[in-house]
């Protein structure tokens, strides 16, 4: 999860509700997308 305050770092695509689909969220490329390194997220592991 990322709060709305983190949107400025997430490469939000205009007129949409997603970020750049070329970003690998499991292994982000900070050289190509440097703003991502400033984003702060929250992780949740869910089970039954």
ModelCIF file with pLDDT and N, C-alpha, C, O atoms, coordinates in Angstrom:
data_MODEL
#
_entry.id   MODEL 
#
_entity.id                         1 
_entity.type                       polymer 
_entity.pdbx_number_of_molecules   1 
#
_entity_poly.entity_id                      1 
_entity_poly.type                           'polypeptide(L)' 
_entity_poly.nstd_linkage                   no 
_entity_poly.nstd_monomer                   no 
_entity_poly.pdbx_seq_one_letter_code       
;(UNK)(UNK)(UNK)(UNK)(UNK)(UNK)(UNK)(UNK)(UNK)(UNK)(UNK)(UNK)(UNK)(UNK)(UNK)(UNK)
(UNK)(UNK)(UNK)(UNK)(UNK)(UNK)(UNK)(UNK)(UNK)(UNK)(UNK)(UNK)(UNK)(UNK)(UNK)(UNK)
(UNK)(UNK)(UNK)(UNK)(UNK)(UNK)(UNK)(UNK)(UNK)(UNK)(UNK)(UNK)(UNK)(UNK)(UNK)(UNK)
;
_entity_poly.pdbx_seq_one_letter_code_can   XXXXXXXXXXXXXXXXXXXXXXXXXXXXXXXXXXXXXXXXXXXXXXXX 
_entity_poly.pdbx_strand_id                 A 
#
loop_
_entity_poly_seq.entity_id 
_entity_poly_seq.num 
_entity_poly_seq.mon_id 
_entity_poly_seq.hetero 
1 1  UNK n 
1 2  UNK n 
1 3  UNK n 
1 4  UNK n 
1 5  UNK n 
1 6  UNK n 
1 7  UNK n 
1 8  UNK n 
1 9  UNK n 
1 10 UNK n 
1 11 UNK n 
1 12 UNK n 
1 13 UNK n 
1 14 UNK n 
1 15 UNK n 
1 16 UNK n 
1 17 UNK n 
1 18 UNK n 
1 19 UNK n 
1 20 UNK n 
1 21 UNK n 
1 22 UNK n 
1 23 UNK n 
1 24 UNK n 
1 25 UNK n 
1 26 UNK n 
1 27 UNK n 
1 28 UNK n 
1 29 UNK n 
1 30 UNK n 
1 31 UNK n 
1 32 UNK n 
1 33 UNK n 
1 34 UNK n 
1 35 UNK n 
1 36 UNK n 
1 37 UNK n 
1 38 UNK n 
1 39 UNK n 
1 40 UNK n 
1 41 UNK n 
1 42 UNK n 
1 43 UNK n 
1 44 UNK n 
1 45 UNK n 
1 46 UNK n 
1 47 UNK n 
1 48 UNK n 
#
_struct_asym.id          A 
_struct_asym.entity_id   1 
#
loop_
_ma_qa_metric.id 
_ma_qa_metric.mode 
_ma_qa_metric.name 
_ma_qa_metric.software_group_id 
_ma_qa_metric.type 
1 global pLDDT . pLDDT 
2 local  pLDDT . pLDDT 
#
_ma_qa_metric_global.metric_id      1 
_ma_qa_metric_global.metric_value   95.54 
_ma_qa_metric_global.model_id       1 
_ma_qa_metric_global.ordinal_id     1 
#
loop_
_ma_qa_metric_local.label_asym_id 
_ma_qa_metric_local.label_comp_id 
_ma_qa_metric_local.label_seq_id 
_ma_qa_metric_local.metric_id 
_ma_qa_metric_local.metric_value 
_ma_qa_metric_local.model_id 
_ma_qa_metric_local.ordinal_id 
A UNK 1  2 98.00 1 1  
A UNK 2  2 98.00 1 2  
A UNK 3  2 98.00 1 3  
A UNK 4  2 96.00 1 4  
A UNK 5  2 96.00 1 5  
A UNK 6  2 96.00 1 6  
A UNK 7  2 96.00 1 7  
A UNK 8  2 95.00 1 8  
A UNK 9  2 96.00 1 9  
A UNK 10 2 97.00 1 10 
A UNK 11 2 97.00 1 11 
A UNK 12 2 96.00 1 12 
A UNK 13 2 96.00 1 13 
A UNK 14 2 95.00 1 14 
A UNK 15 2 94.00 1 15 
A UNK 16 2 93.00 1 16 
A UNK 17 2 93.00 1 17 
A UNK 18 2 94.00 1 18 
A UNK 19 2 95.00 1 19 
A UNK 20 2 95.00 1 20 
A UNK 21 2 91.00 1 21 
A UNK 22 2 93.00 1 22 
A UNK 23 2 95.00 1 23 
A UNK 24 2 94.00 1 24 
A UNK 25 2 94.00 1 25 
A UNK 26 2 94.00 1 26 
A UNK 27 2 94.00 1 27 
A UNK 28 2 95.00 1 28 
A UNK 29 2 95.00 1 29 
A UNK 30 2 95.00 1 30 
A UNK 31 2 94.00 1 31 
A UNK 32 2 95.00 1 32 
A UNK 33 2 96.00 1 33 
A UNK 34 2 95.00 1 34 
A UNK 35 2 96.00 1 35 
A UNK 36 2 96.00 1 36 
A UNK 37 2 95.00 1 37 
A UNK 38 2 95.00 1 38 
A UNK 39 2 96.00 1 39 
A UNK 40 2 97.00 1 40 
A UNK 41 2 97.00 1 41 
A UNK 42 2 98.00 1 42 
A UNK 43 2 97.00 1 43 
A UNK 44 2 98.00 1 44 
A UNK 45 2 97.00 1 45 
A UNK 46 2 97.00 1 46 
A UNK 47 2 96.00 1 47 
A UNK 48 2 97.00 1 48 
#
loop_
_atom_site.group_PDB 
_atom_site.id 
_atom_site.type_symbol 
_atom_site.label_atom_id 
_atom_site.label_alt_id 
_atom_site.label_comp_id 
_atom_site.label_asym_id 
_atom_site.label_entity_id 
_atom_site.label_seq_id 
_atom_site.pdbx_PDB_ins_code 
_atom_site.Cartn_x 
_atom_site.Cartn_y 
_atom_site.Cartn_z 
_atom_site.occupancy 
_atom_site.B_iso_or_equiv 
_atom_site.pdbx_formal_charge 
_atom_site.auth_seq_id 
_atom_site.auth_comp_id 
_atom_site.auth_asym_id 
_atom_site.auth_atom_id 
_atom_site.pdbx_PDB_model_num 
ATOM 1   N N  . UNK A 1 1  ? 0.830  -1.205  0.000   1.00 98.00 ? 1  UNK A N  1 
ATOM 2   C CA . UNK A 1 1  ? 0.000  0.000   0.000   1.00 98.00 ? 1  UNK A CA 1 
ATOM 3   C C  . UNK A 1 1  ? 0.865  1.255   0.000   1.00 98.00 ? 1  UNK A C  1 
ATOM 4   O O  . UNK A 1 1  ? 1.943  1.288   0.592   1.00 98.00 ? 1  UNK A O  1 
ATOM 5   N N  . UNK A 1 2  ? 0.367  2.281   -0.676  1.00 98.00 ? 2  UNK A N  1 
ATOM 6   C CA . UNK A 1 2  ? 0.990  3.600   -0.630  1.00 98.00 ? 2  UNK A CA 1 
ATOM 7   C C  . UNK A 1 2  ? -0.117 4.630   -0.397  1.00 98.00 ? 2  UNK A C  1 
ATOM 8   O O  . UNK A 1 2  ? -1.155 4.589   -1.058  1.00 98.00 ? 2  UNK A O  1 
ATOM 9   N N  . UNK A 1 3  ? 0.102  5.539   0.528   1.00 98.00 ? 3  UNK A N  1 
ATOM 10  C CA . UNK A 1 3  ? -0.907 6.549   0.833   1.00 98.00 ? 3  UNK A CA 1 
ATOM 11  C C  . UNK A 1 3  ? -1.012 7.543   -0.316  1.00 98.00 ? 3  UNK A C  1 
ATOM 12  O O  . UNK A 1 3  ? -0.092 7.642   -1.127  1.00 98.00 ? 3  UNK A O  1 
ATOM 13  N N  . UNK A 1 4  ? -2.122 8.283   -0.401  1.00 96.00 ? 4  UNK A N  1 
ATOM 14  C CA . UNK A 1 4  ? -2.259 9.297   -1.455  1.00 96.00 ? 4  UNK A CA 1 
ATOM 15  C C  . UNK A 1 4  ? -1.123 10.316  -1.449  1.00 96.00 ? 4  UNK A C  1 
ATOM 16  O O  . UNK A 1 4  ? -0.795 10.881  -2.493  1.00 96.00 ? 4  UNK A O  1 
ATOM 17  N N  . UNK A 1 5  ? -0.518 10.557  -0.283  1.00 96.00 ? 5  UNK A N  1 
ATOM 18  C CA . UNK A 1 5  ? 0.580  11.514  -0.201  1.00 96.00 ? 5  UNK A CA 1 
ATOM 19  C C  . UNK A 1 5  ? 1.810  11.045  -0.965  1.00 96.00 ? 5  UNK A C  1 
ATOM 20  O O  . UNK A 1 5  ? 2.680  11.853  -1.293  1.00 96.00 ? 5  UNK A O  1 
ATOM 21  N N  . UNK A 1 6  ? 1.894  9.744   -1.253  1.00 96.00 ? 6  UNK A N  1 
ATOM 22  C CA . UNK A 1 6  ? 3.040  9.188   -1.982  1.00 96.00 ? 6  UNK A CA 1 
ATOM 23  C C  . UNK A 1 6  ? 2.855  9.257   -3.499  1.00 96.00 ? 6  UNK A C  1 
ATOM 24  O O  . UNK A 1 6  ? 3.754  8.873   -4.247  1.00 96.00 ? 6  UNK A O  1 
ATOM 25  N N  . UNK A 1 7  ? 1.709  9.737   -3.957  1.00 96.00 ? 7  UNK A N  1 
ATOM 26  C CA . UNK A 1 7  ? 1.413  9.756   -5.394  1.00 96.00 ? 7  UNK A CA 1 
ATOM 27  C C  . UNK A 1 7  ? 2.484  10.490  -6.191  1.00 96.00 ? 7  UNK A C  1 
ATOM 28  O O  . UNK A 1 7  ? 2.796  10.092  -7.313  1.00 96.00 ? 7  UNK A O  1 
ATOM 29  N N  . UNK A 1 8  ? 3.047  11.546  -5.633  1.00 95.00 ? 8  UNK A N  1 
ATOM 30  C CA . UNK A 1 8  ? 4.021  12.361  -6.368  1.00 95.00 ? 8  UNK A CA 1 
ATOM 31  C C  . UNK A 1 8  ? 5.285  11.593  -6.729  1.00 95.00 ? 8  UNK A C  1 
ATOM 32  O O  . UNK A 1 8  ? 6.056  12.037  -7.580  1.00 95.00 ? 8  UNK A O  1 
ATOM 33  N N  . UNK A 1 9  ? 5.508  10.439  -6.089  1.00 96.00 ? 9  UNK A N  1 
ATOM 34  C CA . UNK A 1 9  ? 6.698  9.631   -6.384  1.00 96.00 ? 9  UNK A CA 1 
ATOM 35  C C  . UNK A 1 9  ? 6.393  8.404   -7.239  1.00 96.00 ? 9  UNK A C  1 
ATOM 36  O O  . UNK A 1 9  ? 7.315  7.676   -7.609  1.00 96.00 ? 9  UNK A O  1 
ATOM 37  N N  . UNK A 1 10 ? 5.146  8.160   -7.556  1.00 97.00 ? 10 UNK A N  1 
ATOM 38  C CA . UNK A 1 10 ? 4.740  6.852   -8.088  1.00 97.00 ? 10 UNK A CA 1 
ATOM 39  C C  . UNK A 1 10 ? 4.496  6.822   -9.593  1.00 97.00 ? 10 UNK A C  1 
ATOM 40  O O  . UNK A 1 10 ? 4.080  5.793   -10.125 1.00 97.00 ? 10 UNK A O  1 
ATOM 41  N N  . UNK A 1 11 ? 4.744  7.924   -10.286 1.00 97.00 ? 11 UNK A N  1 
ATOM 42  C CA . UNK A 1 11 ? 4.570  7.981   -11.744 1.00 97.00 ? 11 UNK A CA 1 
ATOM 43  C C  . UNK A 1 11 ? 3.122  7.671   -12.143 1.00 97.00 ? 11 UNK A C  1 
ATOM 44  O O  . UNK A 1 11 ? 2.848  6.823   -12.991 1.00 97.00 ? 11 UNK A O  1 
ATOM 45  N N  . UNK A 1 12 ? 2.226  8.387   -11.501 1.00 96.00 ? 12 UNK A N  1 
ATOM 46  C CA . UNK A 1 12 ? 0.806  8.238   -11.847 1.00 96.00 ? 12 UNK A CA 1 
ATOM 47  C C  . UNK A 1 12 ? 0.566  8.677   -13.281 1.00 96.00 ? 12 UNK A C  1 
ATOM 48  O O  . UNK A 1 12 ? 1.013  9.746   -13.698 1.00 96.00 ? 12 UNK A O  1 
ATOM 49  N N  . UNK A 1 13 ? -0.138 7.852   -14.028 1.00 96.00 ? 13 UNK A N  1 
ATOM 50  C CA . UNK A 1 13 ? -0.476 8.166   -15.408 1.00 96.00 ? 13 UNK A CA 1 
ATOM 51  C C  . UNK A 1 13 ? -1.693 9.093   -15.417 1.00 96.00 ? 13 UNK A C  1 
ATOM 52  O O  . UNK A 1 13 ? -2.714 8.762   -14.813 1.00 96.00 ? 13 UNK A O  1 
ATOM 53  N N  . UNK A 1 14 ? -1.608 10.252  -16.092 1.00 95.00 ? 14 UNK A N  1 
ATOM 54  C CA . UNK A 1 14 ? -2.755 11.170  -16.117 1.00 95.00 ? 14 UNK A CA 1 
ATOM 55  C C  . UNK A 1 14 ? -4.010 10.529  -16.698 1.00 95.00 ? 14 UNK A C  1 
ATOM 56  O O  . UNK A 1 14 ? -3.934 9.634   -17.540 1.00 95.00 ? 14 UNK A O  1 
ATOM 57  N N  . UNK A 1 15 ? -5.158 10.999  -16.237 1.00 94.00 ? 15 UNK A N  1 
ATOM 58  C CA . UNK A 1 15 ? -6.472 10.528  -16.693 1.00 94.00 ? 15 UNK A CA 1 
ATOM 59  C C  . UNK A 1 15 ? -6.650 9.027   -16.445 1.00 94.00 ? 15 UNK A C  1 
ATOM 60  O O  . UNK A 1 15 ? -7.331 8.343   -17.209 1.00 94.00 ? 15 UNK A O  1 
ATOM 61  N N  . UNK A 1 16 ? -6.040 8.529   -15.390 1.00 93.00 ? 16 UNK A N  1 
ATOM 62  C CA . UNK A 1 16 ? -6.142 7.104   -15.070 1.00 93.00 ? 16 UNK A CA 1 
ATOM 63  C C  . UNK A 1 16 ? -6.008 6.929   -13.563 1.00 93.00 ? 16 UNK A C  1 
ATOM 64  O O  . UNK A 1 16 ? -5.847 7.898   -12.822 1.00 93.00 ? 16 UNK A O  1 
ATOM 65  N N  . UNK A 1 17 ? -6.077 5.677   -13.125 1.00 93.00 ? 17 UNK A N  1 
ATOM 66  C CA . UNK A 1 17 ? -5.958 5.364   -11.694 1.00 93.00 ? 17 UNK A CA 1 
ATOM 67  C C  . UNK A 1 17 ? -4.777 4.428   -11.439 1.00 93.00 ? 17 UNK A C  1 
ATOM 68  O O  . UNK A 1 17 ? -4.729 3.764   -10.403 1.00 93.00 ? 17 UNK A O  1 
ATOM 69  N N  . UNK A 1 18 ? -3.833 4.369   -12.364 1.00 94.00 ? 18 UNK A N  1 
ATOM 70  C CA . UNK A 1 18 ? -2.678 3.487   -12.203 1.00 94.00 ? 18 UNK A CA 1 
ATOM 71  C C  . UNK A 1 18 ? -1.391 4.235   -12.499 1.00 94.00 ? 18 UNK A C  1 
ATOM 72  O O  . UNK A 1 18 ? -1.415 5.351   -13.017 1.00 94.00 ? 18 UNK A O  1 
ATOM 73  N N  . UNK A 1 19 ? -0.265 3.612   -12.165 1.00 95.00 ? 19 UNK A N  1 
ATOM 74  C CA . UNK A 1 19 ? 1.013  4.217   -12.509 1.00 95.00 ? 19 UNK A CA 1 
ATOM 75  C C  . UNK A 1 19 ? 1.550  3.565   -13.785 1.00 95.00 ? 19 UNK A C  1 
ATOM 76  O O  . UNK A 1 19 ? 0.850  2.772   -14.416 1.00 95.00 ? 19 UNK A O  1 
ATOM 77  N N  . UNK A 1 20 ? 2.772  3.889   -14.166 1.00 95.00 ? 20 UNK A N  1 
ATOM 78  C CA . UNK A 1 20 ? 3.355  3.358   -15.391 1.00 95.00 ? 20 UNK A CA 1 
ATOM 79  C C  . UNK A 1 20 ? 3.403  1.834   -15.332 1.00 95.00 ? 20 UNK A C  1 
ATOM 80  O O  . UNK A 1 20 ? 3.956  1.262   -14.393 1.00 95.00 ? 20 UNK A O  1 
ATOM 81  N N  . UNK A 1 21 ? 2.827  1.187   -16.326 1.00 91.00 ? 21 UNK A N  1 
ATOM 82  C CA . UNK A 1 21 ? 2.776  -0.269  -16.322 1.00 91.00 ? 21 UNK A CA 1 
ATOM 83  C C  . UNK A 1 21 ? 4.130  -0.888  -16.655 1.00 91.00 ? 21 UNK A C  1 
ATOM 84  O O  . UNK A 1 21 ? 4.314  -2.096  -16.509 1.00 91.00 ? 21 UNK A O  1 
ATOM 85  N N  . UNK A 1 22 ? 5.077  -0.063  -17.103 1.00 93.00 ? 22 UNK A N  1 
ATOM 86  C CA . UNK A 1 22 ? 6.435  -0.549  -17.365 1.00 93.00 ? 22 UNK A CA 1 
ATOM 87  C C  . UNK A 1 22 ? 7.253  -0.700  -16.088 1.00 93.00 ? 22 UNK A C  1 
ATOM 88  O O  . UNK A 1 22 ? 8.346  -1.265  -16.122 1.00 93.00 ? 22 UNK A O  1 
ATOM 89  N N  . UNK A 1 23 ? 6.747  -0.207  -14.974 1.00 95.00 ? 23 UNK A N  1 
ATOM 90  C CA . UNK A 1 23 ? 7.459  -0.322  -13.694 1.00 95.00 ? 23 UNK A CA 1 
ATOM 91  C C  . UNK A 1 23 ? 7.263  -1.715  -13.126 1.00 95.00 ? 23 UNK A C  1 
ATOM 92  O O  . UNK A 1 23 ? 6.135  -2.191  -13.004 1.00 95.00 ? 23 UNK A O  1 
ATOM 93  N N  . UNK A 1 24 ? 8.364  -2.367  -12.780 1.00 94.00 ? 24 UNK A N  1 
ATOM 94  C CA . UNK A 1 24 ? 8.328  -3.666  -12.114 1.00 94.00 ? 24 UNK A CA 1 
ATOM 95  C C  . UNK A 1 24 ? 8.239  -3.407  -10.611 1.00 94.00 ? 24 UNK A C  1 
ATOM 96  O O  . UNK A 1 24 ? 9.229  -3.042  -9.977  1.00 94.00 ? 24 UNK A O  1 
ATOM 97  N N  . UNK A 1 25 ? 7.055  -3.597  -10.053 1.00 94.00 ? 25 UNK A N  1 
ATOM 98  C CA . UNK A 1 25 ? 6.862  -3.279  -8.641  1.00 94.00 ? 25 UNK A CA 1 
ATOM 99  C C  . UNK A 1 25 ? 7.616  -4.223  -7.716  1.00 94.00 ? 25 UNK A C  1 
ATOM 100 O O  . UNK A 1 25 ? 7.828  -3.902  -6.547  1.00 94.00 ? 25 UNK A O  1 
ATOM 101 N N  . UNK A 1 26 ? 8.024  -5.382  -8.224  1.00 94.00 ? 26 UNK A N  1 
ATOM 102 C CA . UNK A 1 26 ? 8.801  -6.322  -7.410  1.00 94.00 ? 26 UNK A CA 1 
ATOM 103 C C  . UNK A 1 26 ? 10.294 -6.010  -7.436  1.00 94.00 ? 26 UNK A C  1 
ATOM 104 O O  . UNK A 1 26 ? 11.034 -6.406  -6.536  1.00 94.00 ? 26 UNK A O  1 
ATOM 105 N N  . UNK A 1 27 ? 10.728 -5.300  -8.469  1.00 94.00 ? 27 UNK A N  1 
ATOM 106 C CA . UNK A 1 27 ? 12.154 -4.996  -8.637  1.00 94.00 ? 27 UNK A CA 1 
ATOM 107 C C  . UNK A 1 27 ? 12.282 -3.657  -9.363  1.00 94.00 ? 27 UNK A C  1 
ATOM 108 O O  . UNK A 1 27 ? 12.713 -3.626  -10.516 1.00 94.00 ? 27 UNK A O  1 
ATOM 109 N N  . UNK A 1 28 ? 11.916 -2.555  -8.711  1.00 95.00 ? 28 UNK A N  1 
ATOM 110 C CA . UNK A 1 28 ? 11.868 -1.258  -9.390  1.00 95.00 ? 28 UNK A CA 1 
ATOM 111 C C  . UNK A 1 28 ? 13.238 -0.770  -9.852  1.00 95.00 ? 28 UNK A C  1 
ATOM 112 O O  . UNK A 1 28 ? 14.240 -0.960  -9.162  1.00 95.00 ? 28 UNK A O  1 
ATOM 113 N N  . UNK A 1 29 ? 13.269 -0.148  -11.009 1.00 95.00 ? 29 UNK A N  1 
ATOM 114 C CA . UNK A 1 29 ? 14.493 0.389   -11.586 1.00 95.00 ? 29 UNK A CA 1 
ATOM 115 C C  . UNK A 1 29 ? 14.636 1.842   -11.151 1.00 95.00 ? 29 UNK A C  1 
ATOM 116 O O  . UNK A 1 29 ? 14.013 2.731   -11.732 1.00 95.00 ? 29 UNK A O  1 
ATOM 117 N N  . UNK A 1 30 ? 15.457 2.086   -10.127 1.00 95.00 ? 30 UNK A N  1 
ATOM 118 C CA . UNK A 1 30 ? 15.602 3.432   -9.592  1.00 95.00 ? 30 UNK A CA 1 
ATOM 119 C C  . UNK A 1 30 ? 16.409 4.347   -10.514 1.00 95.00 ? 30 UNK A C  1 
ATOM 120 O O  . UNK A 1 30 ? 16.326 5.569   -10.394 1.00 95.00 ? 30 UNK A O  1 
ATOM 121 N N  . UNK A 1 31 ? 17.171 3.783   -11.411 1.00 94.00 ? 31 UNK A N  1 
ATOM 122 C CA . UNK A 1 31 ? 17.901 4.625   -12.359 1.00 94.00 ? 31 UNK A CA 1 
ATOM 123 C C  . UNK A 1 31 ? 16.957 5.188   -13.418 1.00 94.00 ? 31 UNK A C  1 
ATOM 124 O O  . UNK A 1 31 ? 17.046 6.362   -13.776 1.00 94.00 ? 31 UNK A O  1 
ATOM 125 N N  . UNK A 1 32 ? 16.060 4.354   -13.912 1.00 95.00 ? 32 UNK A N  1 
ATOM 126 C CA . UNK A 1 32 ? 15.111 4.790   -14.933 1.00 95.00 ? 32 UNK A CA 1 
ATOM 127 C C  . UNK A 1 32 ? 13.975 5.600   -14.318 1.00 95.00 ? 32 UNK A C  1 
ATOM 128 O O  . UNK A 1 32 ? 13.468 6.542   -14.927 1.00 95.00 ? 32 UNK A O  1 
ATOM 129 N N  . UNK A 1 33 ? 13.579 5.219   -13.093 1.00 96.00 ? 33 UNK A N  1 
ATOM 130 C CA . UNK A 1 33 ? 12.462 5.887   -12.412 1.00 96.00 ? 33 UNK A CA 1 
ATOM 131 C C  . UNK A 1 33 ? 12.941 6.339   -11.028 1.00 96.00 ? 33 UNK A C  1 
ATOM 132 O O  . UNK A 1 33 ? 12.564 5.740   -10.021 1.00 96.00 ? 33 UNK A O  1 
ATOM 133 N N  . UNK A 1 34 ? 13.764 7.386   -10.969 1.00 95.00 ? 34 UNK A N  1 
ATOM 134 C CA . UNK A 1 34 ? 14.420 7.763   -9.701  1.00 95.00 ? 34 UNK A CA 1 
ATOM 135 C C  . UNK A 1 34 ? 13.472 8.182   -8.588  1.00 95.00 ? 34 UNK A C  1 
ATOM 136 O O  . UNK A 1 34 ? 13.816 8.047   -7.414  1.00 95.00 ? 34 UNK A O  1 
ATOM 137 N N  . UNK A 1 35 ? 12.285 8.689   -8.923  1.00 96.00 ? 35 UNK A N  1 
ATOM 138 C CA . UNK A 1 35 ? 11.370 9.139   -7.870  1.00 96.00 ? 35 UNK A CA 1 
ATOM 139 C C  . UNK A 1 35 ? 10.892 7.991   -6.993  1.00 96.00 ? 35 UNK A C  1 
ATOM 140 O O  . UNK A 1 35 ? 10.513 8.205   -5.842  1.00 96.00 ? 35 UNK A O  1 
ATOM 141 N N  . UNK A 1 36 ? 10.909 6.772   -7.530  1.00 96.00 ? 36 UNK A N  1 
ATOM 142 C CA . UNK A 1 36 ? 10.399 5.628   -6.770  1.00 96.00 ? 36 UNK A CA 1 
ATOM 143 C C  . UNK A 1 36 ? 11.167 5.399   -5.473  1.00 96.00 ? 36 UNK A C  1 
ATOM 144 O O  . UNK A 1 36 ? 10.608 4.899   -4.498  1.00 96.00 ? 36 UNK A O  1 
ATOM 145 N N  . UNK A 1 37 ? 12.439 5.762   -5.462  1.00 95.00 ? 37 UNK A N  1 
ATOM 146 C CA . UNK A 1 37 ? 13.250 5.496   -4.265  1.00 95.00 ? 37 UNK A CA 1 
ATOM 147 C C  . UNK A 1 37 ? 12.819 6.344   -3.077  1.00 95.00 ? 37 UNK A C  1 
ATOM 148 O O  . UNK A 1 37 ? 13.221 6.067   -1.947  1.00 95.00 ? 37 UNK A O  1 
ATOM 149 N N  . UNK A 1 38 ? 12.009 7.373   -3.312  1.00 95.00 ? 38 UNK A N  1 
ATOM 150 C CA . UNK A 1 38 ? 11.528 8.219   -2.222  1.00 95.00 ? 38 UNK A CA 1 
ATOM 151 C C  . UNK A 1 38 ? 10.155 7.786   -1.713  1.00 95.00 ? 38 UNK A C  1 
ATOM 152 O O  . UNK A 1 38 ? 9.686  8.288   -0.693  1.00 95.00 ? 38 UNK A O  1 
ATOM 153 N N  . UNK A 1 39 ? 9.517  6.866   -2.411  1.00 96.00 ? 39 UNK A N  1 
ATOM 154 C CA . UNK A 1 39 ? 8.192  6.404   -1.997  1.00 96.00 ? 39 UNK A CA 1 
ATOM 155 C C  . UNK A 1 39 ? 8.301  5.533   -0.755  1.00 96.00 ? 39 UNK A C  1 
ATOM 156 O O  . UNK A 1 39 ? 9.250  4.762   -0.612  1.00 96.00 ? 39 UNK A O  1 
ATOM 157 N N  . UNK A 1 40 ? 7.347  5.654   0.127   1.00 97.00 ? 40 UNK A N  1 
ATOM 158 C CA . UNK A 1 40 ? 7.312  4.867   1.360   1.00 97.00 ? 40 UNK A CA 1 
ATOM 159 C C  . UNK A 1 40 ? 6.004  4.082   1.406   1.00 97.00 ? 40 UNK A C  1 
ATOM 160 O O  . UNK A 1 40 ? 4.921  4.666   1.385   1.00 97.00 ? 40 UNK A O  1 
ATOM 161 N N  . UNK A 1 41 ? 6.110  2.767   1.467   1.00 97.00 ? 41 UNK A N  1 
ATOM 162 C CA . UNK A 1 41 ? 4.933  1.917   1.417   1.00 97.00 ? 41 UNK A CA 1 
ATOM 163 C C  . UNK A 1 41 ? 4.668  1.158   2.699   1.00 97.00 ? 41 UNK A C  1 
ATOM 164 O O  . UNK A 1 41 ? 5.427  1.244   3.664   1.00 97.00 ? 41 UNK A O  1 
ATOM 165 N N  . UNK A 1 42 ? 3.582  0.419   2.689   1.00 98.00 ? 42 UNK A N  1 
ATOM 166 C CA . UNK A 1 42 ? 3.166  -0.423  3.812   1.00 98.00 ? 42 UNK A CA 1 
ATOM 167 C C  . UNK A 1 42 ? 2.848  -1.801  3.248   1.00 98.00 ? 42 UNK A C  1 
ATOM 168 O O  . UNK A 1 42 ? 2.113  -1.911  2.267   1.00 98.00 ? 42 UNK A O  1 
ATOM 169 N N  . UNK A 1 43 ? 3.387  -2.844  3.850   1.00 97.00 ? 43 UNK A N  1 
ATOM 170 C CA . UNK A 1 43 ? 3.171  -4.197  3.343   1.00 97.00 ? 43 UNK A CA 1 
ATOM 171 C C  . UNK A 1 43 ? 2.269  -4.985  4.274   1.00 97.00 ? 43 UNK A C  1 
ATOM 172 O O  . UNK A 1 43 ? 2.315  -4.834  5.495   1.00 97.00 ? 43 UNK A O  1 
ATOM 173 N N  . UNK A 1 44 ? 1.447  -5.834  3.665   1.00 98.00 ? 44 UNK A N  1 
ATOM 174 C CA . UNK A 1 44 ? 0.551  -6.713  4.417   1.00 98.00 ? 44 UNK A CA 1 
ATOM 175 C C  . UNK A 1 44 ? 0.610  -8.101  3.806   1.00 98.00 ? 44 UNK A C  1 
ATOM 176 O O  . UNK A 1 44 ? 0.456  -8.259  2.595   1.00 98.00 ? 44 UNK A O  1 
ATOM 177 N N  . UNK A 1 45 ? 0.831  -9.102  4.634   1.00 97.00 ? 45 UNK A N  1 
ATOM 178 C CA . UNK A 1 45 ? 0.788  -10.493 4.198   1.00 97.00 ? 45 UNK A CA 1 
ATOM 179 C C  . UNK A 1 45 ? -0.529 -11.076 4.700   1.00 97.00 ? 45 UNK A C  1 
ATOM 180 O O  . UNK A 1 45 ? -0.780 -11.098 5.905   1.00 97.00 ? 45 UNK A O  1 
ATOM 181 N N  . UNK A 1 46 ? -1.370 -11.547 3.779   1.00 97.00 ? 46 UNK A N  1 
ATOM 182 C CA . UNK A 1 46 ? -2.708 -11.980 4.145   1.00 97.00 ? 46 UNK A CA 1 
ATOM 183 C C  . UNK A 1 46 ? -2.873 -13.482 3.990   1.00 97.00 ? 46 UNK A C  1 
ATOM 184 O O  . UNK A 1 46 ? -2.343 -14.089 3.059   1.00 97.00 ? 46 UNK A O  1 
ATOM 185 N N  . UNK A 1 47 ? -3.624 -14.074 4.925   1.00 96.00 ? 47 UNK A N  1 
ATOM 186 C CA . UNK A 1 47 ? -3.970 -15.482 4.859   1.00 96.00 ? 47 UNK A CA 1 
ATOM 187 C C  . UNK A 1 47 ? -5.466 -15.626 5.121   1.00 96.00 ? 47 UNK A C  1 
ATOM 188 O O  . UNK A 1 47 ? -6.173 -14.637 5.314   1.00 96.00 ? 47 UNK A O  1 
ATOM 189 N N  . UNK A 1 48 ? -5.933 -16.865 5.126   1.00 97.00 ? 48 UNK A N  1 
ATOM 190 C CA . UNK A 1 48 ? -7.367 -17.139 5.225   1.00 97.00 ? 48 UNK A CA 1 
ATOM 191 C C  . UNK A 1 48 ? -8.012 -16.419 6.410   1.00 97.00 ? 48 UNK A C  1 
ATOM 192 O O  . UNK A 1 48 ? -9.216 -16.549 6.630   1.00 97.00 ? 48 UNK A O  1 
#
